[in-house]
């Protein structure tokens, strides 16, 4: 007899997010959320899945706190992820929960903590061909580095201060959280060759960041780790808030604005050869004219800009480069679906790869033949699927030996 598909069984379905493909194309890693043993909250763990669909899935992380998702592979196959699990090398403090940056070795074993800013890690990026990592963290205004931020936090706790001070801050709140007392800043660091050596103090790419500067903005590293490209808010002409792309040289600290302030630019992705940035451009719009969203390519050296798929009447999201740099994949709402698209740089041809479904976390294979993604429909939760990287209107193929759903079947 089939069990009734009720709300509890709906919650028991695994929530997949943050799909990533290893540099060699041999491992898929995905964040899997399920109810905790008490059934009071969701807990996320990282799982490894075989892209060939032969080996069974394997759970990589296990902690009471769970993981935050948004993992990133380093060139050697090591896996970066964020988690609020306690540091095993220090005495635990039950009153403090910090979302730190962790590193899981490529051959498995124990994950180790790289850095745990008091304000928590918020966003991770990794270089394609160098052991360089970028991450966001919330820091007190005026703190010179993470150590100074920790000292200020300790002073607030010792003094029993819980108030939020707003001086020159605007805006003071973003959706569900206050933008104080810390501000989001971006950091980058080169990891040492010795796996047991501590991570060196990271570089703060813009120490004078204001309240909204990096709030919910994207970032990407050049393949060699020399440059971090980030979207940056400019609130100097309120109520207008601009968003430009800025290239930060990680050796010299120099910052170079890539866009002219004529629109909102976000979701940067650096090409495999490190010469070009793909991004989403959104015009400001007005009561008389709606905003227009397009894909753009920006030369990292000159700032020269080129629009991709200019005639496409859709709002593209999440540009992702093909491994050889010949095409850009993206997603967009289209007729009640959210399919994956491909635009070839040579002739500008746009191909809608899938006929139906909502796609995300696109992962092109190194050989350019296929594309892995998460796909959900009205009748199914997100599942790992495979697409041919060039064929139009295809049905996605669900990966065999993927994350088990416990024989839960929707009616």
Protein backbone atom coordinates (compact mmCIF):
# COMPACT_ATOMS: atom_id res chain seq x y z
CA UNK A 1 0.00 0.00 0.00
CA UNK A 2 1.37 3.41 -0.94
CA UNK A 3 1.80 5.83 1.96
CA UNK A 4 -0.11 9.09 1.83
CA UNK A 5 1.98 11.92 0.42
CA UNK A 6 1.45 14.48 3.18
CA UNK A 7 3.30 17.53 4.44
CA UNK A 8 5.73 15.49 6.57
CA UNK A 9 6.76 13.37 3.60
CA UNK A 10 7.15 16.51 1.52
CA UNK A 11 9.56 17.90 4.13
CA UNK A 12 11.46 14.60 4.18
CA UNK A 13 12.45 14.97 0.53
CA UNK A 14 16.12 15.98 0.19
CA UNK A 15 16.72 19.62 -0.78
CA UNK A 16 19.60 19.76 -3.27
CA UNK A 17 21.56 22.97 -3.84
CA UNK A 18 25.05 24.20 -4.66
CA UNK A 19 26.01 21.61 -7.29
CA UNK A 20 29.73 21.73 -8.18
CA UNK A 21 31.90 19.72 -10.61
CA UNK A 22 35.55 18.99 -9.79
CA UNK A 23 38.24 20.38 -12.13
CA UNK A 24 38.93 16.92 -13.59
CA UNK A 25 35.23 16.26 -14.17
CA UNK A 26 35.23 13.08 -12.08
CA UNK A 27 33.31 14.25 -8.99
CA UNK A 28 30.08 16.09 -8.43
CA UNK A 29 29.45 17.58 -5.00
CA UNK A 30 26.04 18.81 -3.89
CA UNK A 31 24.60 20.19 -0.66
CA UNK A 32 21.73 18.02 0.61
CA UNK A 33 19.30 19.42 3.17
CA UNK A 34 17.07 17.20 5.29
CA UNK A 35 15.20 17.61 8.61
CA UNK A 36 17.40 17.11 11.66
CA UNK A 37 16.73 14.15 14.01
CA UNK A 38 14.26 16.23 16.05
CA UNK A 39 12.44 17.38 12.93
CA UNK A 40 12.59 21.03 13.99
CA UNK A 41 15.00 22.46 11.41
CA UNK A 42 16.77 21.61 8.19
CA UNK A 43 20.37 20.40 8.28
CA UNK A 44 22.66 20.38 5.25
CA UNK A 45 25.52 18.00 4.44
CA UNK A 46 27.80 17.71 1.41
CA UNK A 47 27.55 14.58 -0.73
CA UNK A 48 29.72 13.30 -3.56
CA UNK A 49 28.03 11.91 -6.67
CA UNK A 50 29.61 10.00 -9.57
CA UNK A 51 29.04 11.93 -12.85
CA UNK A 52 29.06 8.60 -14.70
CA UNK A 53 26.24 7.31 -12.50
CA UNK A 54 28.15 4.13 -11.63
CA UNK A 55 29.38 4.53 -8.04
CA UNK A 56 26.79 5.13 -5.31
CA UNK A 57 26.65 8.59 -3.70
CA UNK A 58 28.85 9.17 -0.65
CA UNK A 59 28.32 11.58 2.21
CA UNK A 60 31.38 13.79 2.70
CA UNK A 61 30.52 15.87 5.76
CA UNK A 62 28.67 15.17 8.97
CA UNK A 63 28.17 17.69 11.75
CA UNK A 64 25.48 18.76 14.19
CA UNK A 65 25.63 22.30 12.84
CA UNK A 66 25.43 21.25 9.21
CA UNK A 67 27.09 23.02 6.29
CA UNK A 68 26.13 26.29 4.62
CA UNK A 69 26.44 25.05 1.03
CA UNK A 70 28.09 27.07 -1.71
CA UNK A 71 31.20 24.90 -1.89
CA UNK A 72 34.09 25.50 -4.31
CA UNK A 73 36.81 23.22 -5.70
CA UNK A 74 40.49 24.13 -5.68
CA UNK A 75 42.67 22.99 -8.62
CA UNK A 76 43.94 19.92 -6.73
CA UNK A 77 40.41 18.73 -5.97
CA UNK A 78 40.31 20.01 -2.40
CA UNK A 79 36.87 21.27 -1.44
CA UNK A 80 36.18 24.60 0.26
CA UNK A 81 32.93 24.98 2.18
CA UNK A 82 31.40 27.08 4.94
CA UNK A 83 30.14 25.61 8.20
CA UNK A 84 29.34 26.74 11.73
CA UNK A 85 30.69 23.49 13.20
CA UNK A 86 33.04 24.14 16.19
CA UNK A 87 36.81 24.26 15.74
CA UNK A 88 38.13 20.94 17.10
CA UNK A 89 41.45 22.55 18.07
CA UNK A 90 40.02 25.04 20.59
CA UNK A 91 37.73 24.84 23.59
CA UNK A 92 34.12 25.08 22.36
CA UNK A 93 32.01 28.08 23.34
CA UNK A 94 28.31 27.11 23.33
CA UNK A 95 27.28 30.78 23.30
CA UNK A 96 29.07 31.58 20.04
CA UNK A 97 28.36 30.19 16.58
CA UNK A 98 30.70 31.26 13.78
CA UNK A 99 30.36 30.30 10.14
CA UNK A 100 33.96 29.47 9.21
CA UNK A 101 35.76 28.49 6.01
CA UNK A 102 36.77 24.82 5.92
CA UNK A 103 38.92 22.71 3.60
CA UNK A 104 38.27 19.04 2.80
CA UNK A 105 41.29 17.19 1.27
CA UNK A 106 40.81 15.72 -2.22
CA UNK A 107 41.28 12.16 -1.00
CA UNK A 108 38.88 12.53 1.92
CA UNK A 109 39.68 12.59 5.62
CA UNK A 110 38.98 15.26 8.21
CA UNK A 111 38.11 18.77 7.13
CA UNK A 112 40.23 21.51 8.71
CA UNK A 113 39.35 25.08 9.57
CA UNK A 114 41.08 27.75 7.48
CA UNK A 115 39.59 30.92 8.95
CA UNK A 116 36.66 31.83 11.19
CA UNK A 117 35.91 35.56 11.13
CA UNK A 118 33.74 36.71 14.03
CA UNK A 119 31.17 37.99 11.54
CA UNK A 120 31.14 34.69 9.64
CA UNK A 121 32.05 33.68 6.09
CA UNK A 122 29.55 34.86 3.48
CA UNK A 123 30.33 33.66 -0.06
CA UNK A 124 33.26 31.63 -1.44
CA UNK A 125 35.22 31.79 -4.71
CA UNK A 126 38.22 29.75 -5.89
CA UNK A 127 40.72 30.18 -8.74
CA UNK A 128 40.75 27.58 -11.53
CA UNK A 129 44.52 27.01 -11.70
CA UNK A 130 45.99 28.44 -8.47
CA UNK A 131 45.43 27.74 -4.75
CA UNK A 132 43.76 31.11 -4.21
CA UNK A 133 40.48 31.60 -2.37
CA UNK A 134 38.20 34.61 -2.05
CA UNK A 135 35.47 35.00 0.55
CA UNK A 136 33.15 37.56 2.09
CA UNK A 137 33.04 38.32 5.81
CA UNK A 138 31.34 40.92 7.99
CA UNK A 139 33.76 43.24 9.77
CA UNK A 140 33.38 46.17 12.18
CA UNK A 141 33.90 49.58 10.54
CA UNK A 142 37.45 50.73 11.20
CA UNK A 143 38.82 47.25 11.94
CA UNK A 144 42.18 46.90 10.20
CA UNK A 145 41.97 43.12 9.83
CA UNK A 146 40.19 40.04 11.12
CA UNK A 147 42.20 40.04 14.35
CA UNK A 148 41.20 43.64 15.09
CA UNK A 149 37.58 42.78 14.31
CA UNK A 150 37.71 39.88 16.77
CA UNK A 151 39.12 42.20 19.43
CA UNK A 152 36.29 44.68 18.92
CA UNK A 153 33.76 41.89 19.16
CA UNK A 154 35.34 40.66 22.38
CA UNK A 155 35.21 44.18 23.84
CA UNK A 156 31.49 44.45 23.00
CA UNK A 157 30.74 41.12 24.67
CA UNK A 158 32.77 41.95 27.77
CA UNK A 159 30.96 45.28 28.09
CA UNK A 160 27.57 43.68 27.54
CA UNK A 161 26.85 45.83 24.49
CA UNK A 162 24.11 44.56 22.20
CA UNK A 163 22.91 47.82 20.66
CA UNK A 164 23.21 48.53 16.95
CA UNK A 165 24.81 51.91 16.20
CA UNK A 166 23.87 53.65 12.93
CA UNK A 167 25.89 56.75 12.10
CA UNK A 168 26.54 57.31 8.40
CA UNK A 169 24.91 54.02 7.48
CA UNK A 170 22.31 53.79 4.73
CA UNK A 171 20.49 51.62 4.13
CA UNK A 172 20.29 50.20 7.65
CA UNK A 173 18.43 47.00 6.79
CA UNK A 174 18.31 44.57 3.89
CA UNK A 175 15.30 42.27 3.67
CA UNK A 176 15.52 40.15 6.84
CA UNK A 177 18.66 41.45 8.57
CA UNK A 178 20.19 44.65 9.95
CA UNK A 179 23.28 46.01 8.22
CA UNK A 180 25.05 46.66 11.50
CA UNK A 181 27.19 46.59 13.48
CA UNK A 182 29.39 44.84 10.91
CA UNK A 183 29.78 45.47 7.17
CA UNK A 184 30.47 42.87 4.48
CA UNK A 185 34.00 43.06 3.07
CA UNK A 186 35.84 40.82 0.60
CA UNK A 187 39.08 38.97 1.29
CA UNK A 188 41.51 36.81 -0.69
CA UNK A 189 44.40 34.56 0.29
CA UNK A 190 46.85 32.10 -1.25
CA UNK A 191 46.85 28.74 0.51
CA UNK A 192 50.24 27.27 1.45
CA UNK A 193 51.54 24.11 -0.19
CA UNK A 194 51.85 22.38 3.20
CA UNK A 195 48.35 21.05 4.00
CA UNK A 196 49.01 21.46 7.72
CA UNK A 197 50.28 25.04 7.50
CA UNK A 198 47.85 27.78 8.58
CA UNK A 199 46.32 30.04 5.97
CA UNK A 200 48.20 33.39 5.85
CA UNK A 201 46.29 36.54 6.83
CA UNK A 202 43.94 37.32 3.93
CA UNK A 203 44.05 40.58 1.97
CA UNK A 204 41.10 42.91 2.49
CA UNK A 205 40.45 44.12 -1.08
CA UNK A 206 38.70 47.32 0.02
CA UNK A 207 39.17 48.21 3.71
CA UNK A 208 37.09 51.40 3.41
CA UNK A 209 33.94 49.59 2.27
CA UNK A 210 30.72 51.34 3.28
CA UNK A 211 27.52 49.70 4.51
CA UNK A 212 26.02 48.62 1.15
CA UNK A 213 29.29 48.27 -0.82
CA UNK A 214 29.37 44.47 -1.05
CA UNK A 215 25.92 43.60 0.26
CA UNK A 216 24.68 40.60 -1.75
CA UNK A 217 27.12 41.13 -4.62
CA UNK A 218 28.89 38.50 -6.69
CA UNK A 219 32.63 37.90 -7.06
CA UNK A 220 34.95 35.74 -9.17
CA UNK A 221 38.68 35.05 -9.29
CA UNK A 222 40.86 35.03 -12.40
CA UNK A 223 42.13 31.50 -13.18
CA UNK A 224 45.66 32.33 -11.98
CA UNK A 225 44.35 33.98 -8.81
CA UNK A 226 45.92 37.35 -9.59
CA UNK A 227 42.70 39.36 -9.80
CA UNK A 228 39.40 39.31 -7.96
CA UNK A 229 36.45 40.78 -9.87
CA UNK A 230 33.53 41.89 -7.72
CA UNK A 231 30.29 43.80 -8.07
CA UNK A 232 30.37 46.93 -5.90
CA UNK A 233 27.51 49.21 -4.84
CA UNK A 234 27.98 52.98 -5.00
CA UNK A 235 25.54 54.92 -2.79
CA UNK A 236 27.18 58.34 -3.25
CA UNK A 237 24.21 59.70 -5.22
CA UNK A 238 21.22 58.57 -3.16
CA UNK A 239 18.50 57.60 -3.77
CA UNK A 240 20.24 56.14 -6.84
CA UNK A 241 22.46 53.18 -5.96
CA UNK A 242 24.79 52.10 -8.74
CA UNK A 243 26.47 48.71 -9.05
CA UNK A 244 29.71 48.43 -11.01
CA UNK A 245 32.29 45.71 -11.58
CA UNK A 246 35.71 46.34 -10.06
CA UNK A 247 38.93 44.39 -10.67
CA UNK A 248 41.15 44.13 -7.58
CA UNK A 249 44.82 43.29 -8.16
CA UNK A 250 45.68 40.93 -5.31
CA UNK A 251 49.42 41.58 -5.54
CA UNK A 252 49.34 45.38 -5.43
CA UNK A 253 45.91 46.07 -3.94
CA UNK A 254 45.04 48.37 -6.87
CA UNK A 255 41.36 48.62 -7.81
CA UNK A 256 40.16 49.34 -11.34
CA UNK A 257 36.51 50.05 -12.21
CA UNK A 258 35.51 48.09 -15.32
CA UNK A 259 32.05 49.53 -15.98
CA UNK A 260 30.87 53.13 -16.54
CA UNK A 261 28.13 53.37 -13.90
CA UNK A 262 25.36 53.29 -16.49
CA UNK A 263 23.55 50.20 -15.13
CA UNK A 264 23.67 47.51 -12.46
CA UNK A 265 26.34 44.89 -13.17
CA UNK A 266 26.56 41.63 -11.23
CA UNK A 267 27.22 37.87 -11.40
CA UNK A 268 30.78 38.20 -12.77
CA UNK A 269 32.46 35.11 -14.23
CA UNK A 270 36.05 35.24 -15.51
CA UNK A 271 36.84 33.35 -18.73
CA UNK A 272 39.18 30.32 -18.68
CA UNK A 273 41.97 32.37 -20.31
CA UNK A 274 41.58 35.16 -17.75
CA UNK A 275 41.00 37.89 -20.34
CA UNK A 276 37.25 38.46 -20.25
CA UNK A 277 34.50 38.86 -17.68
CA UNK A 278 30.96 37.70 -18.41
CA UNK A 279 28.31 39.48 -16.35
CA UNK A 280 24.64 40.39 -16.13
CA UNK A 281 23.78 44.01 -16.95
CA UNK A 282 20.47 45.53 -15.78
CA UNK A 283 19.42 49.00 -16.91
CA UNK A 284 17.95 51.36 -14.30
CA UNK A 285 14.48 51.56 -15.80
CA UNK A 286 11.85 54.20 -15.09
CA UNK A 287 8.06 54.56 -14.69
CA UNK A 288 7.89 54.70 -18.49
CA UNK A 289 10.42 52.05 -19.43
CA UNK A 290 11.08 48.70 -17.78
CA UNK A 291 14.57 47.58 -16.89
CA UNK A 292 16.33 45.48 -19.52
CA UNK A 293 18.62 42.60 -18.56
CA UNK A 294 21.38 41.42 -20.89
CA UNK A 295 24.59 39.41 -20.88
CA UNK A 296 27.78 41.37 -21.48
CA UNK A 297 31.43 40.48 -22.07
CA UNK A 298 33.99 42.93 -20.65
CA UNK A 299 37.67 42.93 -21.59
CA UNK A 300 39.57 42.70 -18.32
CA UNK A 301 42.48 44.79 -19.65
CA UNK A 302 40.68 47.56 -21.52
CA UNK A 303 37.13 47.54 -20.18
CA UNK A 304 35.72 47.25 -23.72
CA UNK A 305 32.18 45.88 -23.58
CA UNK A 306 30.21 43.62 -25.92
CA UNK A 307 26.58 42.54 -25.56
CA UNK A 308 25.75 38.86 -25.99
CA UNK A 309 22.40 37.67 -27.35
CA UNK A 310 21.20 41.26 -27.69
CA UNK A 311 17.95 40.19 -29.37
CA UNK A 312 16.99 37.67 -26.67
CA UNK A 313 13.81 38.89 -24.95
CA UNK A 314 14.58 37.15 -21.67
CA UNK A 315 16.35 38.05 -18.40
CA UNK A 316 19.55 35.96 -18.27
CA UNK A 317 21.04 34.83 -14.96
CA UNK A 318 24.20 33.15 -13.66
CA UNK A 319 26.56 33.17 -16.69
CA UNK A 320 28.92 30.18 -16.70
CA UNK A 321 31.83 29.69 -19.12
CA UNK A 322 32.38 26.61 -21.23
CA UNK A 323 35.73 25.01 -20.37
CA UNK A 324 37.33 26.13 -23.65
CA UNK A 325 35.90 29.66 -23.48
CA UNK A 326 33.95 29.29 -26.74
CA UNK A 327 30.50 29.70 -25.19
CA UNK A 328 28.63 30.99 -22.15
CA UNK A 329 25.81 29.06 -20.49
CA UNK A 330 23.06 30.79 -18.54
CA UNK A 331 19.50 30.37 -17.28
CA UNK A 332 16.41 32.54 -17.78
CA UNK A 333 12.68 32.45 -17.21
CA UNK A 334 10.89 31.35 -20.37
CA UNK A 335 7.22 30.46 -20.75
CA UNK A 336 6.74 29.23 -17.17
CA UNK A 337 10.03 27.32 -17.15
CA UNK A 338 13.60 28.28 -16.25
CA UNK A 339 15.71 26.43 -18.82
CA UNK A 340 19.43 26.39 -19.53
CA UNK A 341 20.72 28.25 -22.57
CA UNK A 342 23.98 28.34 -24.50
CA UNK A 343 25.29 31.31 -26.47
CA UNK A 344 28.24 30.72 -28.80
CA UNK A 345 30.73 33.58 -28.83
CA UNK A 346 31.75 33.03 -32.44
CA UNK A 347 28.41 33.64 -34.14
CA UNK A 348 26.21 34.74 -31.21
CA UNK A 349 23.80 31.83 -31.73
CA UNK A 350 21.54 31.14 -28.73
CA UNK A 351 20.40 27.57 -28.04
CA UNK A 352 17.72 26.64 -25.53
CA UNK A 353 19.07 23.34 -24.32
CA UNK A 354 16.08 21.97 -22.42
CA UNK A 355 12.41 21.91 -23.29
CA UNK A 356 11.05 22.08 -19.73
CA UNK A 357 12.01 22.41 -16.07
CA UNK A 358 13.74 24.90 -13.80
CA UNK A 359 17.55 24.66 -14.00
CA UNK A 360 20.32 26.00 -11.81
CA UNK A 361 23.96 25.46 -10.78
CA UNK A 362 25.16 24.77 -14.32
CA UNK A 363 28.38 22.71 -14.44
CA UNK A 364 29.98 22.30 -17.89
CA UNK A 365 32.30 19.31 -18.27
CA UNK A 366 36.01 19.85 -19.02
CA UNK A 367 35.72 18.18 -22.44
CA UNK A 368 32.81 20.44 -23.46
CA UNK A 369 30.44 17.57 -24.28
CA UNK A 370 27.93 17.84 -21.47
CA UNK A 371 26.39 20.04 -18.82
CA UNK A 372 25.37 18.91 -15.34
CA UNK A 373 22.74 20.90 -13.46
CA UNK A 374 20.03 20.79 -10.84
CA UNK A 375 16.57 20.57 -12.36
CA UNK A 376 13.19 20.76 -10.62
CA UNK A 377 9.65 20.63 -11.97
CA UNK A 378 6.17 21.16 -10.60
CA UNK A 379 6.07 17.45 -9.75
CA UNK A 380 9.65 16.81 -8.57
CA UNK A 381 12.26 18.37 -6.26
CA UNK A 382 15.69 19.41 -7.58
CA UNK A 383 17.58 16.46 -9.03
CA UNK A 384 20.97 16.16 -10.72
CA UNK A 385 20.59 15.92 -14.49
CA UNK A 386 22.83 15.77 -17.53
CA UNK A 387 22.37 17.70 -20.78
CA UNK A 388 24.18 17.58 -24.07
CA UNK A 389 26.12 20.85 -24.20
CA UNK A 390 24.91 21.76 -27.72
CA UNK A 391 21.60 20.06 -28.56
CA UNK A 392 18.41 22.15 -28.48
CA UNK A 393 15.11 21.20 -26.84
CA UNK A 394 16.31 17.99 -25.23
CA UNK A 395 14.88 16.12 -22.24
CA UNK A 396 17.31 16.18 -19.31
CA UNK A 397 18.64 12.79 -18.22
CA UNK A 398 18.47 12.18 -14.49
CA UNK A 399 21.75 10.89 -13.09
CA UNK A 400 21.71 7.28 -12.00
CA UNK A 401 22.92 6.55 -8.46
CA UNK A 402 22.13 10.10 -7.39
CA UNK A 403 20.93 11.31 -3.98
CA UNK A 404 18.37 8.84 -2.57
CA UNK A 405 14.89 10.18 -1.88
CA UNK A 406 13.80 7.38 0.44
CA UNK A 407 11.20 5.98 -1.97
CA UNK A 408 9.08 9.10 -1.46
CA UNK A 409 6.93 9.58 -4.52
CA UNK A 410 4.63 12.52 -5.14
CA UNK A 411 1.12 11.67 -6.30
